[in-house]
Each structure stands twice: as C-alpha cells, then as structure tokens.
PDB file of N, CA and C in Angstrom:
ATOM      1  N   MET A   1      94.010  38.307  47.106  1.00  0.00           N
ATOM      2  CA  MET A   1      95.199  38.007  47.983  1.00  0.00           C
ATOM      3  C   MET A   1      95.168  39.092  49.134  1.00  0.00           C
ATOM      4  N   ASP A   2      95.647  38.618  50.217  1.00  0.00           N
ATOM      5  CA  ASP A   2      95.507  39.518  51.430  1.00  0.00           C
ATOM      6  C   ASP A   2      97.017  40.120  51.568  1.00  0.00           C
ATOM      7  N   ASP A   3      97.370  40.935  52.667  1.00  0.00           N
ATOM      8  CA  ASP A   3      98.385  41.488  52.698  1.00  0.00           C
ATOM      9  C   ASP A   3      99.819  40.752  52.769  1.00  0.00           C
ATOM     10  N   THR A   4      99.765  39.669  52.891  1.00  0.00           N
ATOM     11  CA  THR A   4     100.644  38.628  52.988  1.00  0.00           C
ATOM     12  C   THR A   4     100.898  37.971  51.708  1.00  0.00           C
ATOM     13  N   GLY A   5     100.112  38.182  50.754  1.00  0.00           N
ATOM     14  CA  GLY A   5     100.261  37.560  49.353  1.00  0.00           C
ATOM     15  C   GLY A   5      99.714  36.073  49.347  1.00  0.00           C
ATOM     16  N   LEU A   6      99.016  35.857  50.381  1.00  0.00           N
ATOM     17  CA  LEU A   6      98.282  34.798  50.193  1.00  0.00           C
ATOM     18  C   LEU A   6      96.782  34.612  49.798  1.00  0.00           C
ATOM     19  N   ALA A   7      96.179  33.592  49.071  1.00  0.00           N
ATOM     20  CA  ALA A   7      95.006  33.874  48.478  1.00  0.00           C
ATOM     21  C   ALA A   7      93.979  33.747  49.696  1.00  0.00           C
ATOM     22  N   MET A   8      93.009  34.608  49.795  1.00  0.00           N
ATOM     23  CA  MET A   8      91.901  34.508  50.884  1.00  0.00           C
ATOM     24  C   MET A   8      90.843  33.546  50.565  1.00  0.00           C
ATOM     25  N   GLN A   9      90.235  32.637  51.269  1.00  0.00           N
ATOM     26  CA  GLN A   9      89.135  31.913  50.909  1.00  0.00           C
ATOM     27  C   GLN A   9      87.871  32.722  51.385  1.00  0.00           C
ATOM     28  N   THR A  10      87.001  32.639  50.632  1.00  0.00           N
ATOM     29  CA  THR A  10      85.606  33.440  51.450  1.00  0.00           C
ATOM     30  C   THR A  10      84.655  32.168  51.423  1.00  0.00           C
ATOM     31  N   TYR A  11      83.812  32.326  52.345  1.00  0.00           N
ATOM     32  CA  TYR A  11      82.772  31.588  52.797  1.00  0.00           C
ATOM     33  C   TYR A  11      81.398  32.166  52.703  1.00  0.00           C
ATOM     34  N   ARG A  12      80.320  31.386  52.302  1.00  0.00           N
ATOM     35  CA  ARG A  12      78.981  31.963  52.334  1.00  0.00           C
ATOM     36  C   ARG A  12      78.334  32.065  53.773  1.00  0.00           C
ATOM     37  N   HIS A  13      78.823  31.204  54.602  1.00  0.00           N
ATOM     38  CA  HIS A  13      78.218  31.239  55.862  1.00  0.00           C
ATOM     39  C   HIS A  13      79.128  30.512  56.840  1.00  0.00           C
ATOM     40  N   PHE A  14      78.926  30.683  58.227  1.00  0.00           N
ATOM     41  CA  PHE A  14      79.752  30.217  59.219  1.00  0.00           C
ATOM     42  C   PHE A  14      79.802  28.695  59.049  1.00  0.00           C
ATOM     43  N   GLY A  15      78.811  27.908  58.756  1.00  0.00           N
ATOM     44  CA  GLY A  15      78.871  26.463  58.797  1.00  0.00           C
ATOM     45  C   GLY A  15      79.955  25.952  57.785  1.00  0.00           C
ATOM     46  N   GLU A  16      79.999  26.631  56.467  1.00  0.00           N
ATOM     47  CA  GLU A  16      81.003  26.364  55.396  1.00  0.00           C
ATOM     48  C   GLU A  16      82.391  26.699  56.016  1.00  0.00           C
ATOM     49  N   GLN A  17      82.612  27.599  56.668  1.00  0.00           N
ATOM     50  CA  GLN A  17      83.861  28.119  57.144  1.00  0.00           C
ATOM     51  C   GLN A  17      84.338  26.884  58.425  1.00  0.00           C
ATOM     52  N   THR A  18      83.281  26.387  58.950  1.00  0.00           N
ATOM     53  CA  THR A  18      83.484  25.491  60.083  1.00  0.00           C
ATOM     54  C   THR A  18      84.015  24.208  59.446  1.00  0.00           C
ATOM     55  N   ARG A  19      83.297  23.816  58.393  1.00  0.00           N
ATOM     56  CA  ARG A  19      83.599  22.348  57.679  1.00  0.00           C
ATOM     57  C   ARG A  19      85.057  22.540  57.123  1.00  0.00           C
ATOM     58  N   HIS A  20      85.425  23.808  56.497  1.00  0.00           N
ATOM     59  CA  HIS A  20      86.813  23.752  55.925  1.00  0.00           C
ATOM     60  C   HIS A  20      87.735  23.729  57.077  1.00  0.00           C
ATOM     61  N   TYR A  21      87.580  24.315  58.321  1.00  0.00           N
ATOM     62  CA  TYR A  21      88.514  24.479  59.282  1.00  0.00           C
ATOM     63  C   TYR A  21      88.632  22.892  59.817  1.00  0.00           C
ATOM     64  N   PHE A  22      87.686  22.019  59.895  1.00  0.00           N
ATOM     65  CA  PHE A  22      87.784  20.756  60.639  1.00  0.00           C
ATOM     66  C   PHE A  22      88.197  19.679  59.434  1.00  0.00           C
ATOM     67  N   THR A  23      88.251  20.029  58.063  1.00  0.00           N
ATOM     68  CA  THR A  23      88.602  19.246  57.062  1.00  0.00           C
ATOM     69  C   THR A  23      89.829  19.439  56.591  1.00  0.00           C
ATOM     70  N   ARG A  24      90.438  20.599  56.633  1.00  0.00           N
ATOM     71  CA  ARG A  24      91.937  21.073  55.996  1.00  0.00           C
ATOM     72  C   ARG A  24      92.784  20.247  56.485  1.00  0.00           C
ATOM     73  N   PRO A  25      93.979  20.070  55.711  1.00  0.00           N
ATOM     74  CA  PRO A  25      95.094  19.164  56.049  1.00  0.00           C
ATOM     75  C   PRO A  25      95.831  19.823  57.184  1.00  0.00           C
ATOM     76  N   ALA A  26      96.490  19.168  58.193  1.00  0.00           N
ATOM     77  CA  ALA A  26      97.298  19.608  59.176  1.00  0.00           C
ATOM     78  C   ALA A  26      98.573  19.943  58.604  1.00  0.00           C
ATOM     79  N   ILE A  27      99.138  21.180  59.097  1.00  0.00           N
ATOM     80  CA  ILE A  27     100.427  21.544  58.494  1.00  0.00           C
ATOM     81  C   ILE A  27     101.537  21.522  59.693  1.00  0.00           C
ATOM     82  N   GLY A  28     101.261  21.016  60.859  1.00  0.00           N
ATOM     83  CA  GLY A  28     102.156  20.744  61.749  1.00  0.00           C
ATOM     84  C   GLY A  28     102.257  22.063  62.878  1.00  0.00           C
ATOM     85  N   MET A  29     103.128  21.884  63.820  1.00  0.00           N
ATOM     86  CA  MET A  29     103.410  22.919  64.862  1.00  0.00           C
ATOM     87  C   MET A  29     104.362  23.661  64.429  1.00  0.00           C
ATOM     88  N   PRO A  30     104.342  25.027  64.824  1.00  0.00           N
ATOM     89  CA  PRO A  30     105.473  26.001  64.452  1.00  0.00           C
ATOM     90  C   PRO A  30     106.714  25.469  65.083  1.00  0.00           C
ATOM     91  N   ASP A  31     107.854  25.758  64.263  1.00  0.00           N
ATOM     92  CA  ASP A  31     109.170  25.436  65.033  1.00  0.00           C
ATOM     93  C   ASP A  31     109.878  26.444  65.755  1.00  0.00           C
ATOM     94  N   ARG A  32     109.282  27.477  65.923  1.00  0.00           N
ATOM     95  CA  ARG A  32     109.673  28.696  66.750  1.00  0.00           C
ATOM     96  C   ARG A  32     108.440  29.431  67.359  1.00  0.00           C
ATOM     97  N   ALA A  33     108.670  30.206  68.354  1.00  0.00           N
ATOM     98  CA  ALA A  33     107.623  30.949  68.988  1.00  0.00           C
ATOM     99  C   ALA A  33     107.055  31.989  67.795  1.00  0.00           C
ATOM    100  N   LEU A  34     105.673  32.114  67.947  1.00  0.00           N
ATOM    101  CA  LEU A  34     105.022  33.284  67.069  1.00  0.00           C
ATOM    102  C   LEU A  34     105.253  34.538  67.613  1.00  0.00           C
ATOM    103  N   ASP A  35     105.655  35.439  66.448  1.00  0.00           N
ATOM    104  CA  ASP A  35     105.882  36.831  66.838  1.00  0.00           C
ATOM    105  C   ASP A  35     104.982  37.615  66.008  1.00  0.00           C
ATOM    106  N   THR A  36     103.603  37.519  66.184  1.00  0.00           N
ATOM    107  CA  THR A  36     102.797  38.161  65.275  1.00  0.00           C
ATOM    108  C   THR A  36     101.636  38.719  66.021  1.00  0.00           C
ATOM    109  N   ALA A  37     100.660  39.502  65.715  1.00  0.00           N
ATOM    110  CA  ALA A  37      99.703  40.206  66.601  1.00  0.00           C
ATOM    111  C   ALA A  37      98.830  39.174  66.951  1.00  0.00           C
ATOM    112  N   ALA A  38      98.635  37.940  65.992  1.00  0.00           N
ATOM    113  CA  ALA A  38      97.891  36.751  66.391  1.00  0.00           C
ATOM    114  C   ALA A  38      98.375  36.032  67.499  1.00  0.00           C
ATOM    115  N   ALA A  39      99.473  36.097  67.808  1.00  0.00           N
ATOM    116  CA  ALA A  39     100.144  35.334  69.023  1.00  0.00           C
ATOM    117  C   ALA A  39      99.859  36.077  70.384  1.00  0.00           C
ATOM    118  N   TRP A  40      98.440  36.565  70.543  1.00  0.00           N
ATOM    119  CA  TRP A  40      97.975  37.134  71.816  1.00  0.00           C
ATOM    120  C   TRP A  40      97.783  36.283  72.835  1.00  0.00           C
ATOM    121  N   ARG A  41      97.882  36.734  74.105  1.00  0.00           N
ATOM    122  CA  ARG A  41      97.615  35.902  75.363  1.00  0.00           C
ATOM    123  C   ARG A  41      96.446  36.783  76.035  1.00  0.00           C
ATOM    124  N   GLY A  42      95.593  35.958  76.893  1.00  0.00           N
ATOM    125  CA  GLY A  42      94.449  36.752  77.291  1.00  0.00           C
ATOM    126  C   GLY A  42      94.823  37.888  78.187  1.00  0.00           C
ATOM    127  N   GLU A  43      95.890  37.890  78.966  1.00  0.00           N
ATOM    128  CA  GLU A  43      96.216  39.183  79.620  1.00  0.00           C
ATOM    129  C   GLU A  43      96.603  40.344  78.880  1.00  0.00           C
ATOM    130  N   ASP A  44      97.189  39.999  77.585  1.00  0.00           N
ATOM    131  CA  ASP A  44      97.160  41.231  76.634  1.00  0.00           C
ATOM    132  C   ASP A  44      95.829  41.681  76.269  1.00  0.00           C
ATOM    133  N   MET A  45      95.071  40.839  75.747  1.00  0.00           N
ATOM    134  CA  MET A  45      93.801  41.182  75.351  1.00  0.00           C
ATOM    135  C   MET A  45      93.322  41.941  76.453  1.00  0.00           C
ATOM    136  N   ALA A  46      93.192  41.465  77.619  1.00  0.00           N
ATOM    137  CA  ALA A  46      92.491  42.233  78.474  1.00  0.00           C
ATOM    138  C   ALA A  46      93.017  43.612  78.883  1.00  0.00           C
ATOM    139  N   ALA A  47      94.425  43.768  78.641  1.00  0.00           N
ATOM    140  CA  ALA A  47      94.832  45.095  78.830  1.00  0.00           C
ATOM    141  C   ALA A  47      94.856  46.051  77.862  1.00  0.00           C
ATOM    142  N   HIS A  48      94.402  45.545  76.624  1.00  0.00           N
ATOM    143  CA  HIS A  48      94.229  46.345  75.333  1.00  0.00           C
ATOM    144  C   HIS A  48      92.892  46.127  74.696  1.00  0.00           C
ATOM    145  N   PRO A  49      91.765  46.019  75.286  1.00  0.00           N
ATOM    146  CA  PRO A  49      90.518  45.900  74.752  1.00  0.00           C
ATOM    147  C   PRO A  49      90.112  46.612  73.380  1.00  0.00           C
ATOM    148  N   GLU A  50      90.656  47.759  73.149  1.00  0.00           N
ATOM    149  CA  GLU A  50      90.701  48.660  72.113  1.00  0.00           C
ATOM    150  C   GLU A  50      91.187  48.003  70.997  1.00  0.00           C
ATOM    151  N   ARG A  51      91.996  47.066  71.069  1.00  0.00           N
ATOM    152  CA  ARG A  51      92.455  46.271  69.817  1.00  0.00           C
ATOM    153  C   ARG A  51      91.521  45.191  69.208  1.00  0.00           C
ATOM    154  N   TRP A  52      90.498  44.798  70.063  1.00  0.00           N
ATOM    155  CA  TRP A  52      89.625  43.797  69.444  1.00  0.00           C
ATOM    156  C   TRP A  52      88.158  44.030  69.707  1.00  0.00           C
ATOM    157  N   LEU A  53      87.826  44.878  70.803  1.00  0.00           N
ATOM    158  CA  LEU A  53      86.346  45.155  71.227  1.00  0.00           C
ATOM    159  C   LEU A  53      85.806  46.321  70.614  1.00  0.00           C
ATOM    160  N   VAL A  54      84.682  46.176  69.968  1.00  0.00           N
ATOM    161  CA  VAL A  54      84.052  47.160  69.146  1.00  0.00           C
ATOM    162  C   VAL A  54      82.569  47.334  69.901  1.00  0.00           C
ATOM    163  N   GLU A  55      82.262  48.541  70.399  1.00  0.00           N
ATOM    164  CA  GLU A  55      80.870  48.782  70.767  1.00  0.00           C
ATOM    165  C   GLU A  55      80.231  49.630  69.707  1.00  0.00           C
ATOM    166  N   LEU A  56      79.075  49.086  69.130  1.00  0.00           N
ATOM    167  CA  LEU A  56      78.481  49.850  68.164  1.00  0.00           C
ATOM    168  C   LEU A  56      77.666  50.918  68.746  1.00  0.00           C
ATOM    169  N   THR A  57      77.685  52.111  67.770  1.00  0.00           N
ATOM    170  CA  THR A  57      76.870  53.384  68.294  1.00  0.00           C
ATOM    171  C   THR A  57      75.486  53.026  67.932  1.00  0.00           C
ATOM    172  N   ALA A  58      74.588  53.855  68.373  1.00  0.00           N
ATOM    173  CA  ALA A  58      73.260  53.855  68.006  1.00  0.00           C
ATOM    174  C   ALA A  58      72.844  53.789  66.658  1.00  0.00           C
ATOM    175  N   ALA A  59      73.594  54.907  66.047  1.00  0.00           N
ATOM    176  CA  ALA A  59      73.483  55.097  64.510  1.00  0.00           C
ATOM    177  C   ALA A  59      73.804  53.851  63.845  1.00  0.00           C
ATOM    178  N   GLN A  60      74.851  53.174  64.067  1.00  0.00           N
ATOM    179  CA  GLN A  60      75.400  51.877  63.408  1.00  0.00           C
ATOM    180  C   GLN A  60      74.423  50.860  63.587  1.00  0.00           C
ATOM    181  N   VAL A  61      73.832  50.613  64.722  1.00  0.00           N
ATOM    182  CA  VAL A  61      72.941  49.613  65.048  1.00  0.00           C
ATOM    183  C   VAL A  61      71.619  49.982  64.100  1.00  0.00           C
ATOM    184  N   ASP A  62      71.177  51.184  64.168  1.00  0.00           N
ATOM    185  CA  ASP A  62      70.094  51.602  63.298  1.00  0.00           C
ATOM    186  C   ASP A  62      70.246  51.200  61.558  1.00  0.00           C
ATOM    187  N   GLU A  63      71.576  51.636  61.298  1.00  0.00           N
ATOM    188  CA  GLU A  63      71.764  51.195  59.892  1.00  0.00           C
ATOM    189  C   GLU A  63      71.907  49.659  59.766  1.00  0.00           C
ATOM    190  N   ILE A  64      72.392  49.064  60.514  1.00  0.00           N
ATOM    191  CA  ILE A  64      72.233  47.435  60.218  1.00  0.00           C
ATOM    192  C   ILE A  64      70.806  46.983  60.458  1.00  0.00           C
ATOM    193  N   GLY A  65      70.004  47.672  61.218  1.00  0.00           N
ATOM    194  CA  GLY A  65      68.468  47.262  61.618  1.00  0.00           C
ATOM    195  C   GLY A  65      67.774  47.421  60.350  1.00  0.00           C
ATOM    196  N   ARG A  66      68.213  48.639  59.789  1.00  0.00           N
ATOM    197  CA  ARG A  66      67.258  49.055  58.659  1.00  0.00           C
ATOM    198  C   ARG A  66      67.530  47.994  57.468  1.00  0.00           C
ATOM    199  N   ALA A  67      68.908  47.700  57.147  1.00  0.00           N
ATOM    200  CA  ALA A  67      69.364  46.591  56.377  1.00  0.00           C
ATOM    201  C   ALA A  67      68.701  45.324  56.576  1.00  0.00           C
ATOM    202  N   ALA A  68      68.619  44.794  57.690  1.00  0.00           N
ATOM    203  CA  ALA A  68      68.127  43.776  58.196  1.00  0.00           C
ATOM    204  C   ALA A  68      66.576  43.685  58.018  1.00  0.00           C
ATOM    205  N   ASP A  69      65.864  44.782  58.187  1.00  0.00           N
ATOM    206  CA  ASP A  69      64.485  44.939  58.184  1.00  0.00           C
ATOM    207  C   ASP A  69      64.243  44.874  56.636  1.00  0.00           C
ATOM    208  N   GLY A  70      65.065  45.471  55.574  1.00  0.00           N
ATOM    209  CA  GLY A  70      64.783  45.423  54.180  1.00  0.00           C
ATOM    210  C   GLY A  70      64.800  43.937  53.738  1.00  0.00           C
ATOM    211  N   LEU A  71      65.929  43.086  54.138  1.00  0.00           N
ATOM    212  CA  LEU A  71      65.945  41.709  53.790  1.00  0.00           C
ATOM    213  C   LEU A  71      64.740  40.928  54.342  1.00  0.00           C
ATOM    214  N   THR A  72      64.466  41.229  55.659  1.00  0.00           N
ATOM    215  CA  THR A  72      63.185  40.420  56.188  1.00  0.00           C
ATOM    216  C   THR A  72      61.911  40.645  55.412  1.00  0.00           C
ATOM    217  N   ALA A  73      61.684  42.087  55.062  1.00  0.00           N
ATOM    218  CA  ALA A  73      60.397  42.425  54.308  1.00  0.00           C
ATOM    219  C   ALA A  73      60.214  41.847  52.944  1.00  0.00           C
ATOM    220  N   ALA A  74      61.575  41.567  52.312  1.00  0.00           N
ATOM    221  CA  ALA A  74      61.776  41.172  50.972  1.00  0.00           C
ATOM    222  C   ALA A  74      61.654  39.704  51.033  1.00  0.00           C
ATOM    223  N   ASN A  75      61.787  39.034  51.983  1.00  0.00           N
ATOM    224  CA  ASN A  75      61.888  37.492  52.519  1.00  0.00           C
ATOM    225  C   ASN A  75      62.921  37.018  51.734  1.00  0.00           C
ATOM    226  N   VAL A  76      64.266  37.520  51.803  1.00  0.00           N
ATOM    227  CA  VAL A  76      65.454  37.034  50.995  1.00  0.00           C
ATOM    228  C   VAL A  76      65.908  35.929  51.905  1.00  0.00           C
ATOM    229  N   PRO A  77      66.201  34.907  51.179  1.00  0.00           N
ATOM    230  CA  PRO A  77      66.790  33.667  51.682  1.00  0.00           C
ATOM    231  C   PRO A  77      68.258  33.942  52.256  1.00  0.00           C
ATOM    232  N   MET A  78      68.758  33.415  53.379  1.00  0.00           N
ATOM    233  CA  MET A  78      69.933  33.785  53.947  1.00  0.00           C
ATOM    234  C   MET A  78      71.207  33.581  52.971  1.00  0.00           C
ATOM    235  N   GLU A  79      71.110  32.431  52.138  1.00  0.00           N
ATOM    236  CA  GLU A  79      72.253  32.159  51.258  1.00  0.00           C
ATOM    237  C   GLU A  79      72.192  33.077  50.118  1.00  0.00           C
ATOM    238  N   GLU A  80      71.214  34.119  49.919  1.00  0.00           N
ATOM    239  CA  GLU A  80      71.277  34.956  48.874  1.00  0.00           C
ATOM    240  C   GLU A  80      71.718  36.448  49.449  1.00  0.00           C
ATOM    241  N   VAL A  81      72.095  36.647  50.656  1.00  0.00           N
ATOM    242  CA  VAL A  81      72.445  37.834  51.381  1.00  0.00           C
ATOM    243  C   VAL A  81      74.014  38.080  50.923  1.00  0.00           C
ATOM    244  N   SER A  82      74.137  39.284  50.367  1.00  0.00           N
ATOM    245  CA  SER A  82      75.454  39.584  50.067  1.00  0.00           C
ATOM    246  C   SER A  82      75.529  41.031  50.122  1.00  0.00           C
ATOM    247  N   SER A  83      76.829  41.713  49.911  1.00  0.00           N
ATOM    248  CA  SER A  83      76.915  43.213  49.971  1.00  0.00           C
ATOM    249  C   SER A  83      76.035  44.004  49.110  1.00  0.00           C
ATOM    250  N   ASP A  84      75.656  43.183  48.031  1.00  0.00           N
ATOM    251  CA  ASP A  84      74.778  43.870  47.032  1.00  0.00           C
ATOM    252  C   ASP A  84      73.233  44.181  47.647  1.00  0.00           C
ATOM    253  N   ASN A  85      72.912  43.402  48.491  1.00  0.00           N
ATOM    254  CA  ASN A  85      71.377  43.674  48.980  1.00  0.00           C
ATOM    255  C   ASN A  85      71.211  43.836  50.504  1.00  0.00           C
ATOM    256  N   PHE A  86      72.565  43.943  51.127  1.00  0.00           N
ATOM    257  CA  PHE A  86      72.755  44.079  52.582  1.00  0.00           C
ATOM    258  C   PHE A  86      73.640  45.443  52.696  1.00  0.00           C
ATOM    259  N   GLU A  87      73.078  46.644  52.317  1.00  0.00           N
ATOM    260  CA  GLU A  87      73.705  47.730  52.100  1.00  0.00           C
ATOM    261  C   GLU A  87      74.042  48.522  53.593  1.00  0.00           C
ATOM    262  N   LEU A  88      75.220  48.688  53.795  1.00  0.00           N
ATOM    263  CA  LEU A  88      75.760  49.301  55.050  1.00  0.00           C
ATOM    264  C   LEU A  88      76.614  50.428  54.646  1.00  0.00           C
ATOM    265  N   PRO A  89      76.109  51.633  54.349  1.00  0.00           N
ATOM    266  CA  PRO A  89      76.928  52.601  53.769  1.00  0.00           C
ATOM    267  C   PRO A  89      78.188  53.165  54.742  1.00  0.00           C
ATOM    268  N   THR A  90      77.892  53.070  55.952  1.00  0.00           N
ATOM    269  CA  THR A  90      79.074  53.414  56.928  1.00  0.00           C
ATOM    270  C   THR A  90      79.598  52.198  57.621  1.00  0.00           C
ATOM    271  N   VAL A  91      78.660  51.243  58.039  1.00  0.00           N
ATOM    272  CA  VAL A  91      79.313  50.174  58.832  1.00  0.00           C
ATOM    273  C   VAL A  91      80.050  49.449  58.113  1.00  0.00           C
ATOM    274  N   GLY A  92      79.731  49.318  56.717  1.00  0.00           N
ATOM    275  CA  GLY A  92      80.384  48.377  55.643  1.00  0.00           C
ATOM    276  C   GLY A  92      81.875  48.612  55.732  1.00  0.00           C
ATOM    277  N   ALA A  93      82.241  49.865  55.746  1.00  0.00           N
ATOM    278  CA  ALA A  93      83.707  50.092  55.725  1.00  0.00           C
ATOM    279  C   ALA A  93      84.260  49.467  57.199  1.00  0.00           C
ATOM    280  N   LEU A  94      83.597  49.669  58.281  1.00  0.00           N
ATOM    281  CA  LEU A  94      84.140  49.006  59.330  1.00  0.00           C
ATOM    282  C   LEU A  94      84.250  47.499  59.266  1.00  0.00           C
ATOM    283  N   ALA A  95      83.217  46.999  58.675  1.00  0.00           N
ATOM    284  CA  ALA A  95      83.278  45.556  58.330  1.00  0.00           C
ATOM    285  C   ALA A  95      84.505  45.161  57.780  1.00  0.00           C
ATOM    286  N   GLN A  96      84.757  45.899  56.671  1.00  0.00           N
ATOM    287  CA  GLN A  96      86.041  45.675  55.867  1.00  0.00           C
ATOM    288  C   GLN A  96      87.291  45.561  56.771  1.00  0.00           C
ATOM    289  N   GLU A  97      87.198  46.570  57.712  1.00  0.00           N
ATOM    290  CA  GLU A  97      88.458  46.690  58.643  1.00  0.00           C
ATOM    291  C   GLU A  97      88.342  45.560  59.595  1.00  0.00           C
ATOM    292  N   TRP A  98      87.323  45.176  59.999  1.00  0.00           N
ATOM    293  CA  TRP A  98      87.204  43.839  60.900  1.00  0.00           C
ATOM    294  C   TRP A  98      87.650  42.739  60.070  1.00  0.00           C
ATOM    295  N   LYS A  99      87.249  42.495  58.972  1.00  0.00           N
ATOM    296  CA  LYS A  99      87.845  41.216  57.900  1.00  0.00           C
ATOM    297  C   LYS A  99      89.405  41.407  57.873  1.00  0.00           C
ATOM    298  N   HIS A 100      89.884  42.419  57.624  1.00  0.00           N
ATOM    299  CA  HIS A 100      91.393  42.598  57.815  1.00  0.00           C
ATOM    300  C   HIS A 100      91.934  42.083  59.141  1.00  0.00           C
ATOM    301  N   GLN A 101      91.330  42.670  60.175  1.00  0.00           N
ATOM    302  CA  GLN A 101      91.743  42.329  61.478  1.00  0.00           C
ATOM    303  C   GLN A 101      91.669  40.906  61.674  1.00  0.00           C
ATOM    304  N   LEU A 102      90.685  40.255  61.355  1.00  0.00           N
ATOM    305  CA  LEU A 102      90.436  38.873  61.607  1.00  0.00           C
ATOM    306  C   LEU A 102      91.446  37.948  60.652  1.00  0.00           C
ATOM    307  N   ALA A 103      91.921  38.591  59.477  1.00  0.00           N
ATOM    308  CA  ALA A 103      92.798  37.801  58.510  1.00  0.00           C
ATOM    309  C   ALA A 103      94.136  37.950  58.846  1.00  0.00           C
ATOM    310  N   SER A 104      94.526  39.349  59.196  1.00  0.00           N
ATOM    311  CA  SER A 104      95.906  39.720  59.207  1.00  0.00           C
ATOM    312  C   SER A 104      96.491  40.240  60.503  1.00  0.00           C
ATOM    313  N   ARG A 105      95.586  40.370  61.511  1.00  0.00           N
ATOM    314  CA  ARG A 105      96.331  40.877  62.851  1.00  0.00           C
ATOM    315  C   ARG A 105      95.866  39.892  63.883  1.00  0.00           C
ATOM    316  N   THR A 106      95.119  40.364  64.921  1.00  0.00           N
ATOM    317  CA  THR A 106      94.730  39.389  66.108  1.00  0.00           C
ATOM    318  C   THR A 106      94.008  38.344  65.843  1.00  0.00           C
ATOM    319  N   GLY A 107      93.138  38.346  64.777  1.00  0.00           N
ATOM    320  CA  GLY A 107      92.291  37.426  64.370  1.00  0.00           C
ATOM    321  C   GLY A 107      91.131  37.218  65.162  1.00  0.00           C
ATOM    322  N   VAL A 108      90.793  38.251  65.975  1.00  0.00           N
ATOM    323  CA  VAL A 108      89.847  38.302  66.884  1.00  0.00           C
ATOM    324  C   VAL A 108      89.015  39.776  66.799  1.00  0.00           C
ATOM    325  N   VAL A 109      87.746  39.692  66.736  1.00  0.00           N
ATOM    326  CA  VAL A 109      87.018  40.961  66.963  1.00  0.00           C
ATOM    327  C   VAL A 109      85.658  40.556  67.687  1.00  0.00           C
ATOM    328  N   CYS A 110      85.287  41.291  68.592  1.00  0.00           N
ATOM    329  CA  CYS A 110      84.094  41.180  69.279  1.00  0.00           C
ATOM    330  C   CYS A 110      83.201  42.440  69.110  1.00  0.00           C
ATOM    331  N   VAL A 111      82.284  42.329  68.388  1.00  0.00           N
ATOM    332  CA  VAL A 111      81.176  43.411  68.159  1.00  0.00           C
ATOM    333  C   VAL A 111      80.137  43.265  69.079  1.00  0.00           C
ATOM    334  N   ARG A 112      80.001  44.417  69.866  1.00  0.00           N
ATOM    335  CA  ARG A 112      78.798  44.436  70.797  1.00  0.00           C
ATOM    336  C   ARG A 112      77.702  45.574  70.565  1.00  0.00           C
ATOM    337  N   GLY A 113      76.616  45.285  71.090  1.00  0.00           N
ATOM    338  CA  GLY A 113      75.533  46.276  70.881  1.00  0.00           C
ATOM    339  C   GLY A 113      74.412  45.870  69.975  1.00  0.00           C
ATOM    340  N   LEU A 114      74.355  44.934  69.357  1.00  0.00           N
ATOM    341  CA  LEU A 114      73.091  44.509  68.638  1.00  0.00           C
ATOM    342  C   LEU A 114      72.107  44.087  69.425  1.00  0.00           C
ATOM    343  N   PRO A 115      70.917  44.554  69.472  1.00  0.00           N
ATOM    344  CA  PRO A 115      69.966  44.203  70.239  1.00  0.00           C
ATOM    345  C   PRO A 115      69.070  42.983  69.814  1.00  0.00           C
ATOM    346  N   VAL A 116      69.898  41.789  69.793  1.00  0.00           N
ATOM    347  CA  VAL A 116      69.414  40.513  69.260  1.00  0.00           C
ATOM    348  C   VAL A 116      68.202  40.223  70.073  1.00  0.00           C
ATOM    349  N   ARG A 117      68.002  40.225  71.338  1.00  0.00           N
ATOM    350  CA  ARG A 117      66.732  39.909  72.007  1.00  0.00           C
ATOM    351  C   ARG A 117      65.552  40.609  71.472  1.00  0.00           C
ATOM    352  N   GLU A 118      65.840  41.931  71.384  1.00  0.00           N
ATOM    353  CA  GLU A 118      64.718  42.858  70.971  1.00  0.00           C
ATOM    354  C   GLU A 118      64.338  42.394  69.494  1.00  0.00           C
ATOM    355  N   TRP A 119      65.504  42.136  68.665  1.00  0.00           N
ATOM    356  CA  TRP A 119      64.806  42.074  67.152  1.00  0.00           C
ATOM    357  C   TRP A 119      64.422  40.682  67.109  1.00  0.00           C
ATOM    358  N   GLY A 120      64.670  39.670  67.710  1.00  0.00           N
ATOM    359  CA  GLY A 120      64.156  38.456  67.548  1.00  0.00           C
ATOM    360  C   GLY A 120      65.089  37.648  66.572  1.00  0.00           C
ATOM    361  N   ASN A 121      64.939  36.340  66.391  1.00  0.00           N
ATOM    362  CA  ASN A 121      65.949  35.369  65.540  1.00  0.00           C
ATOM    363  C   ASN A 121      65.844  35.755  64.226  1.00  0.00           C
ATOM    364  N   ASP A 122      64.713  35.953  63.462  1.00  0.00           N
ATOM    365  CA  ASP A 122      64.831  36.093  61.969  1.00  0.00           C
ATOM    366  C   ASP A 122      65.506  37.523  61.760  1.00  0.00           C
ATOM    367  N   LYS A 123      65.410  38.591  62.153  1.00  0.00           N
ATOM    368  CA  LYS A 123      66.019  39.902  62.024  1.00  0.00           C
ATOM    369  C   LYS A 123      67.348  39.725  62.388  1.00  0.00           C
ATOM    370  N   ALA A 124      67.804  39.167  63.653  1.00  0.00           N
ATOM    371  CA  ALA A 124      69.109  39.058  64.236  1.00  0.00           C
ATOM    372  C   ALA A 124      69.959  38.199  63.310  1.00  0.00           C
ATOM    373  N   ALA A 125      69.327  37.062  62.624  1.00  0.00           N
ATOM    374  CA  ALA A 125      70.067  36.264  61.681  1.00  0.00           C
ATOM    375  C   ALA A 125      70.667  37.055  60.595  1.00  0.00           C
ATOM    376  N   TYR A 126      70.071  38.091  60.127  1.00  0.00           N
ATOM    377  CA  TYR A 126      70.485  38.833  59.066  1.00  0.00           C
ATOM    378  C   TYR A 126      71.706  39.686  59.559  1.00  0.00           C
ATOM    379  N   ALA A 127      71.626  40.349  60.723  1.00  0.00           N
ATOM    380  CA  ALA A 127      72.556  41.046  61.211  1.00  0.00           C
ATOM    381  C   ALA A 127      73.890  40.319  61.287  1.00  0.00           C
TER     382      ALA A 127
END
C-alpha cells in the first residue's frame, strides 16, 4: 500500500508497465481542478528544478557502475535483476525516495549523470 492507502502495482520492466498503461480501463476525466503536487505545469517545474531534477555525484555513479559491472560479469539476464543482486548501499535509499515521488508527489524524476555512452549499451541497460 502507498501513502494514500492504494495498492501499488510493481512491474519487472518498463515494457510491462507500458502495456498496463495502455490496457487499463479508463476512469474518465476529473470533475474538478486537481490540487496535488502531480498537477504541475511546465513553468512550475522550470522554476523549481530541485523538486524533480537529480544530478548524480561521482560516488553515486561509481556505485551504480560497480553494481552493473557485477551483473555484466556474472551474465545475469535482465529479467533476473532485483534489489537482491543489484546492490546499491547508498543510492538504493535515494531510489526509494524517487519511487515515492513518482507514485505520490510530482510523478516526475529526472536522474542525470550516468555516462551511458561511455558505459555502452550492455552496462547501461543494467543501470
């Protein structure tokens, strides 16, 4: 359950989440203006990037890189990646905060700083 008492659905990968989004039943338009953090407008987000924009530190990037290297070296299939084998001692707590923000607040988090081009597709896929 999340902070609102609603059951949270979890997904193994983005494709599964996307399929759910496009196949869920429509519940209609709201009957009044939304008054939540998720009812943001572009100008609000631009004025307050600290609410949704995260720039990873070098130490955080290194932690993620080491975890991805371990999975790459062990040839772990993507569908078997979990918090049990992708250990992030410090970034994991941040990821939980991002999950909460996505589900209960603005619904938007932009994480910057992963060297995707440098890492290549295989390693970056784990990150």
